[in-house]
C-alpha atoms as a PDB file:
ATOM      1  CA  MET A   1     -88.149 -33.901  97.790  1.00  0.00           C
ATOM      2  CA  ARG A   2     -84.934 -33.748  95.792  1.00  0.00           C
ATOM      3  CA  THR A   3     -85.674 -30.169  94.694  1.00  0.00           C
ATOM      4  CA  ILE A   4     -86.118 -28.969  98.273  1.00  0.00           C
ATOM      5  CA  TRP A   5     -82.861 -30.662  99.278  1.00  0.00           C
ATOM      6  CA  THR A   6     -81.056 -29.036  96.346  1.00  0.00           C
ATOM      7  CA  LEU A   7     -82.389 -25.590  97.229  1.00  0.00           C
ATOM      8  CA  TRP A   8     -81.428 -26.101 100.874  1.00  0.00           C
ATOM      9  CA  THR A   9     -77.905 -27.151  99.889  1.00  0.00           C
ATOM     10  CA  VAL A  10     -77.467 -24.159  97.578  1.00  0.00           C
ATOM     11  CA  ALA A  11     -78.762 -21.730 100.218  1.00  0.00           C
ATOM     12  CA  TYR A  12     -76.566 -23.247 102.930  1.00  0.00           C
ATOM     13  CA  THR A  13     -73.482 -23.166 100.709  1.00  0.00           C
ATOM     14  CA  HIS A  14     -74.136 -19.552  99.745  1.00  0.00           C
ATOM     15  CA  LEU A  15     -74.602 -18.547 103.383  1.00  0.00           C
ATOM     16  CA  ARG A  16     -71.399 -20.293 104.489  1.00  0.00           C
ATOM     17  CA  THR A  17     -69.470 -18.620 101.666  1.00  0.00           C
ATOM     18  CA  ARG A  18     -70.760 -15.175 102.666  1.00  0.00           C
ATOM     19  CA  ILE A  19     -69.888 -15.779 106.326  1.00  0.00           C
ATOM     20  CA  ASN A  20     -66.368 -16.887 105.426  1.00  0.00           C
ATOM     21  CA  LEU A  21     -65.884 -13.822 103.213  1.00  0.00           C
ATOM     22  CA  LEU A  22     -67.026 -11.497 105.992  1.00  0.00           C
ATOM     23  CA  ARG A  23     -64.772 -13.170 108.550  1.00  0.00           C
ATOM     24  CA  GLY A  24     -61.789 -12.737 106.269  1.00  0.00           C
ATOM     25  CA  ASP A  25     -62.417  -9.014 105.764  1.00  0.00           C
ATOM     26  CA  SER A  26     -60.443  -7.072 108.356  1.00  0.00           C
ATOM     27  CA  GLU A  27     -62.164  -3.798 107.391  1.00  0.00           C
ATOM     28  CA  SER A  28     -65.708  -5.056 107.986  1.00  0.00           C
ATOM     29  CA  GLY A  29     -66.128  -3.082 111.224  1.00  0.00           C
ATOM     30  CA  TYR A  30     -64.692   0.138 109.816  1.00  0.00           C
ATOM     31  CA  ALA A  31     -68.058   1.505 108.683  1.00  0.00           C
ATOM     32  CA  THR A  32     -69.579   1.018 112.128  1.00  0.00           C
ATOM     33  CA  GLU A  33     -66.627   2.726 113.779  1.00  0.00           C
ATOM     34  CA  THR A  34     -66.856   5.648 111.364  1.00  0.00           C
ATOM     35  CA  VAL A  35     -70.574   6.108 112.011  1.00  0.00           C
ATOM     36  CA  LEU A  36     -70.013   6.027 115.767  1.00  0.00           C
ATOM     37  CA  VAL A  37     -67.199   8.594 115.697  1.00  0.00           C
ATOM     38  CA  THR A  38     -69.210  10.837 113.371  1.00  0.00           C
ATOM     39  CA  ALA A  39     -72.238  10.654 115.673  1.00  0.00           C
ATOM     40  CA  LEU A  40     -70.090  11.606 118.675  1.00  0.00           C
ATOM     41  CA  LEU A  41     -68.599  14.560 116.806  1.00  0.00           C
ATOM     42  CA  VAL A  42     -72.052  15.759 115.754  1.00  0.00           C
ATOM     43  CA  ALA A  43     -73.281  15.509 119.352  1.00  0.00           C
ATOM     44  CA  ALA A  44     -70.269  17.518 120.548  1.00  0.00           C
ATOM     45  CA  ALA A  45     -70.871  20.158 117.870  1.00  0.00           C
ATOM     46  CA  ILE A  46     -74.538  20.476 118.871  1.00  0.00           C
ATOM     47  CA  ALA A  47     -73.510  20.905 122.518  1.00  0.00           C
ATOM     48  CA  VAL A  48     -71.003  23.629 121.611  1.00  0.00           C
ATOM     49  CA  ILE A  49     -73.576  25.445 119.478  1.00  0.00           C
ATOM     50  CA  ALA A  50     -76.108  25.278 122.333  1.00  0.00           C
ATOM     51  CA  VAL A  51     -73.594  26.842 124.744  1.00  0.00           C
ATOM     52  CA  ILE A  52     -72.752  29.599 122.263  1.00  0.00           C
ATOM     53  CA  ILE A  53     -76.435  30.362 121.648  1.00  0.00           C
ATOM     54  CA  ALA A  54     -77.095  30.519 125.396  1.00  0.00           C
ATOM     55  CA  LYS A  55     -74.203  32.945 125.957  1.00  0.00           C
ATOM     56  CA  VAL A  56     -75.161  35.157 123.016  1.00  0.00           C
ATOM     57  CA  SER A  57     -78.798  35.214 124.138  1.00  0.00           C
ATOM     58  CA  ALA A  58     -77.762  36.175 127.668  1.00  0.00           C
ATOM     59  CA  LYS A  59     -75.601  39.012 126.339  1.00  0.00           C
ATOM     60  CA  ALA A  60     -78.391  40.179 124.018  1.00  0.00           C
ATOM     61  CA  ASP A  61     -80.889  40.211 126.887  1.00  0.00           C
ATOM     62  CA  GLY A  62     -78.511  42.406 128.873  1.00  0.00           C
ATOM     63  CA  ILE A  63     -78.416  45.126 126.203  1.00  0.00           C
ATOM     64  CA  THR A  64     -80.610  48.110 126.997  1.00  0.00           C
ATOM     65  CA  LEU A  65     -81.729  50.463 124.309  1.00  0.00           C
END
């Protein structure tokens, strides 16, 4: 029983230490913000490319040989 209690105490202490370290880090949300902004920029780029392809295809279809 003592071994289980010791393991529980070590695990709990480690978890509390990790939580306190993450709370103290002011840059912890930076990665999430960067991923979100990057995803939005990629979506905008795909939309722009789709519009360009549609316009070029329409012009190409209008060419008579």
